[in-house]
Amino acid sequence: MNENDLLDIIRKEIEKYIREKNSSQGQNIKEKITLLGEDLILKEELKKRFEISDESDKIVVFSLEIDELFSISNATYINPKTELIIKSLLKNKYIYLIEEGISWRSYSCEVKKIADKYLSYEKELKDMGIKIIKKMEVLDYLDNTKRKKYFDKKVMTLKDVKEIEREAADEIVISDKIFITDSAKEYLKNSALEIKKG
């Protein structure tokens, strides 16, 4: 263990102690998060519940350009944003990438090879520990309460349920019009996953 790791552990323990002490005295200290990129509406929502800081174990990335996606998937950096993400991964920090902010997704790409290539870069990010989540899921992931997964397909299969379970979700939010296969229903009866309509 190097000196920086030791200092990081000490800092976390001190913050934990202060949080516990202040909460026992009725004070509410907001948890810190780091924001990368611009999304004014989401930023304002996050400010209500979190303290925005450059020093945090949780980082929310609002947007990622194609070159940045490629760079991070290859564990290299090309600008300060990608450098911060790579170094944060090396420090085992939690990184949440907003799916709607991945720039290539805004194009109506009909060339399958290109889309497959970009999806392979996203898979590399997921394998590194980066969570790619929808904008509406951010607060659920940042809160230390139940992890919700918003399911927006028309049919939910056993394969879908098992995948959601692997993502460490506690709750699946579905629409009224969704069809759940019999095998998925049977599996859910014995699973800790909850289903809510929303």
Protein backbone atom coordinates (compact mmCIF):
# COMPACT_ATOMS: atom_id res chain seq x y z
CA MET A 1 0.00 0.00 0.00
CA ASN A 2 1.43 3.34 -0.99
CA GLU A 3 1.14 6.65 0.86
CA ASN A 4 -1.73 7.95 -1.32
CA ASP A 5 -3.81 4.83 -0.67
CA LEU A 6 -3.25 5.15 3.06
CA LEU A 7 -4.21 8.85 3.01
CA ASP A 8 -7.32 8.02 1.00
CA ILE A 9 -8.39 5.40 3.56
CA ILE A 10 -7.79 7.82 6.44
CA ARG A 11 -9.77 10.57 4.65
CA LYS A 12 -12.72 8.22 4.07
CA GLU A 13 -12.74 7.11 7.71
CA ILE A 14 -12.65 10.72 8.94
CA GLU A 15 -15.52 11.68 6.60
CA LYS A 16 -17.51 8.65 7.78
CA TYR A 17 -16.90 9.59 11.43
CA ILE A 18 -17.96 13.21 10.84
CA ARG A 19 -21.08 12.12 8.93
CA GLU A 20 -22.10 9.74 11.72
CA LYS A 21 -21.41 12.32 14.42
CA ASN A 22 -23.34 15.07 12.65
CA SER A 23 -26.27 12.80 11.82
CA SER A 24 -26.49 11.78 15.47
CA GLN A 25 -26.68 15.50 16.34
CA GLY A 26 -29.53 15.99 13.87
CA GLN A 27 -27.44 17.64 11.18
CA ASN A 28 -27.54 16.41 7.60
CA ILE A 29 -24.29 16.39 5.63
CA LYS A 30 -24.71 15.82 1.94
CA GLU A 31 -22.71 13.09 0.27
CA LYS A 32 -20.14 14.34 -2.26
CA ILE A 33 -20.24 13.58 -5.97
CA THR A 34 -18.15 14.74 -8.92
CA LEU A 35 -19.82 15.84 -12.17
CA LEU A 36 -18.17 15.77 -15.61
CA GLY A 37 -19.83 17.57 -18.50
CA GLU A 38 -22.91 19.76 -18.68
CA ASP A 39 -26.55 18.91 -18.15
CA LEU A 40 -28.05 21.87 -16.32
CA ILE A 41 -31.36 20.23 -15.41
CA LEU A 42 -29.79 17.06 -14.03
CA LYS A 43 -27.06 19.09 -12.31
CA GLU A 44 -29.69 21.14 -10.44
CA GLU A 45 -31.49 17.96 -9.35
CA LEU A 46 -28.24 16.44 -8.09
CA LYS A 47 -27.31 19.65 -6.21
CA LYS A 48 -30.47 19.27 -4.13
CA ARG A 49 -29.30 15.95 -2.71
CA PHE A 50 -25.50 15.96 -3.03
CA GLU A 51 -22.55 18.25 -2.53
CA ILE A 52 -20.76 18.82 -5.84
CA SER A 53 -17.04 18.32 -5.30
CA ASP A 54 -13.85 17.50 -7.21
CA GLU A 55 -12.98 14.99 -4.48
CA SER A 56 -15.52 12.19 -4.45
CA ASP A 57 -15.77 8.43 -4.81
CA LYS A 58 -18.77 8.80 -7.15
CA ILE A 59 -18.42 10.43 -10.55
CA VAL A 60 -21.28 11.17 -12.93
CA VAL A 61 -20.25 11.66 -16.58
CA PHE A 62 -22.95 13.56 -18.47
CA SER A 63 -21.46 13.20 -21.95
CA LEU A 64 -18.82 11.27 -23.85
CA GLU A 65 -17.64 11.94 -27.39
CA ILE A 66 -16.66 9.11 -29.75
CA ASP A 67 -12.92 9.75 -29.40
CA GLU A 68 -13.27 9.77 -25.60
CA LEU A 69 -15.22 6.51 -25.70
CA PHE A 70 -12.46 4.91 -27.78
CA SER A 71 -9.73 6.35 -25.56
CA ILE A 72 -11.21 5.09 -22.28
CA SER A 73 -12.04 1.67 -23.76
CA ASN A 74 -8.32 1.36 -24.51
CA ALA A 75 -7.33 2.58 -21.03
CA THR A 76 -5.60 5.69 -22.34
CA TYR A 77 -6.47 9.34 -22.04
CA ILE A 78 -6.57 12.16 -24.56
CA ASN A 79 -7.85 15.06 -22.47
CA PRO A 80 -8.38 16.02 -18.81
CA LYS A 81 -11.83 14.36 -18.70
CA THR A 82 -10.58 10.98 -19.93
CA GLU A 83 -7.53 11.26 -17.68
CA LEU A 84 -9.76 11.80 -14.64
CA ILE A 85 -11.96 8.83 -15.60
CA ILE A 86 -8.99 6.47 -16.12
CA LYS A 87 -7.27 7.54 -12.90
CA SER A 88 -10.57 7.22 -11.01
CA LEU A 89 -10.96 3.67 -12.31
CA LEU A 90 -7.45 2.91 -11.06
CA LYS A 91 -8.53 4.21 -7.62
CA ASN A 92 -11.66 2.00 -7.66
CA LYS A 93 -14.09 4.92 -7.72
CA TYR A 94 -17.68 4.54 -8.90
CA ILE A 95 -18.29 5.99 -12.36
CA TYR A 96 -21.75 6.46 -13.85
CA LEU A 97 -22.01 7.34 -17.54
CA ILE A 98 -25.31 8.79 -18.75
CA GLU A 99 -26.43 6.66 -21.69
CA GLU A 100 -28.17 9.57 -23.43
CA GLY A 101 -24.90 11.53 -23.31
CA ILE A 102 -22.92 9.01 -25.39
CA SER A 103 -22.58 11.07 -28.57
CA TRP A 104 -22.65 8.32 -31.18
CA ARG A 105 -26.12 7.29 -29.97
CA SER A 106 -27.58 10.60 -31.20
CA TYR A 107 -26.97 9.54 -34.81
CA SER A 108 -29.31 7.25 -36.69
CA CYS A 109 -26.49 4.88 -37.61
CA GLU A 110 -27.69 2.31 -40.12
CA VAL A 111 -24.26 0.80 -40.73
CA LYS A 112 -24.27 -2.22 -38.43
CA LYS A 113 -20.47 -2.59 -38.36
CA ILE A 114 -20.04 0.95 -37.02
CA ALA A 115 -22.75 0.54 -34.37
CA ASP A 116 -21.27 -2.84 -33.34
CA LYS A 117 -17.82 -1.25 -33.02
CA TYR A 118 -19.12 1.51 -30.74
CA LEU A 119 -21.13 -0.99 -28.70
CA SER A 120 -17.93 -3.03 -28.25
CA TYR A 121 -16.26 0.10 -26.81
CA GLU A 122 -19.18 0.50 -24.41
CA LYS A 123 -18.83 -3.15 -23.38
CA GLU A 124 -15.15 -2.48 -22.58
CA LEU A 125 -16.22 0.38 -20.32
CA LYS A 126 -18.75 -1.85 -18.54
CA ASP A 127 -16.08 -4.54 -18.10
CA MET A 128 -13.86 -1.91 -16.46
CA GLY A 129 -16.62 -1.16 -13.94
CA ILE A 130 -18.25 1.91 -15.47
CA LYS A 131 -22.04 1.82 -15.10
CA ILE A 132 -23.85 3.04 -18.21
CA ILE A 133 -27.26 4.18 -16.98
CA LYS A 134 -30.23 6.13 -18.24
CA LYS A 135 -30.62 9.71 -17.05
CA MET A 136 -33.76 8.83 -15.09
CA GLU A 137 -31.84 6.16 -13.12
CA VAL A 138 -29.05 8.42 -11.82
CA LEU A 139 -30.58 9.29 -8.46
CA ASP A 140 -31.43 5.66 -7.79
CA TYR A 141 -27.84 4.59 -8.43
CA LEU A 142 -26.33 7.39 -6.36
CA ASP A 143 -28.61 6.82 -3.40
CA ASN A 144 -27.57 3.96 -1.21
CA THR A 145 -31.13 2.70 -1.13
CA LYS A 146 -32.82 0.26 -3.50
CA ARG A 147 -31.31 -0.06 -6.95
CA LYS A 148 -34.01 0.30 -9.59
CA LYS A 149 -33.84 -0.89 -13.16
CA TYR A 150 -36.24 0.67 -15.63
CA PHE A 151 -37.31 -1.95 -18.14
CA ASP A 152 -38.63 -0.49 -21.39
CA LYS A 153 -38.95 -3.48 -23.74
CA LYS A 154 -42.38 -4.86 -24.68
CA VAL A 155 -41.62 -8.41 -23.48
CA MET A 156 -39.69 -9.46 -20.38
CA THR A 157 -38.04 -12.87 -20.68
CA LEU A 158 -36.18 -15.05 -18.18
CA LYS A 159 -32.94 -13.92 -19.82
CA ASP A 160 -33.87 -10.25 -19.15
CA VAL A 161 -34.64 -10.96 -15.50
CA LYS A 162 -31.35 -12.78 -14.94
CA GLU A 163 -29.43 -9.94 -16.61
CA ILE A 164 -31.12 -7.37 -14.37
CA GLU A 165 -30.30 -9.50 -11.34
CA ARG A 166 -26.62 -9.63 -12.40
CA GLU A 167 -26.64 -5.81 -12.50
CA ALA A 168 -27.36 -5.91 -8.76
CA ALA A 169 -30.78 -4.28 -9.08
CA ASP A 170 -33.30 -4.68 -6.26
CA GLU A 171 -36.36 -3.50 -8.13
CA ILE A 172 -37.62 -3.58 -11.73
CA VAL A 173 -39.87 -0.72 -12.83
CA ILE A 174 -42.12 -1.66 -15.76
CA SER A 175 -45.04 -0.17 -17.70
CA ASP A 176 -48.59 -1.53 -17.55
CA LYS A 177 -48.39 -2.80 -21.13
CA ILE A 178 -45.42 -5.11 -20.70
CA PHE A 179 -45.78 -8.86 -21.23
CA ILE A 180 -43.84 -11.08 -18.82
CA THR A 181 -43.17 -14.64 -20.01
CA ASP A 182 -44.21 -17.56 -17.80
CA SER A 183 -40.59 -18.62 -17.19
CA ALA A 184 -39.74 -15.06 -16.08
CA LYS A 185 -42.76 -14.96 -13.73
CA GLU A 186 -41.79 -18.30 -12.20
CA TYR A 187 -38.21 -17.17 -11.66
CA LEU A 188 -39.35 -13.87 -10.10
CA LYS A 189 -41.44 -15.74 -7.50
CA ASN A 190 -38.25 -17.15 -5.97
CA SER A 191 -36.11 -14.07 -6.58
CA ALA A 192 -35.45 -11.12 -4.28
CA LEU A 193 -36.22 -8.77 -7.18
CA GLU A 194 -39.36 -6.67 -6.79
CA ILE A 195 -41.50 -5.54 -9.71
CA LYS A 196 -43.22 -2.17 -9.61
CA LYS A 197 -45.35 -0.48 -12.23
CA GLY A 198 -44.41 3.06 -13.02
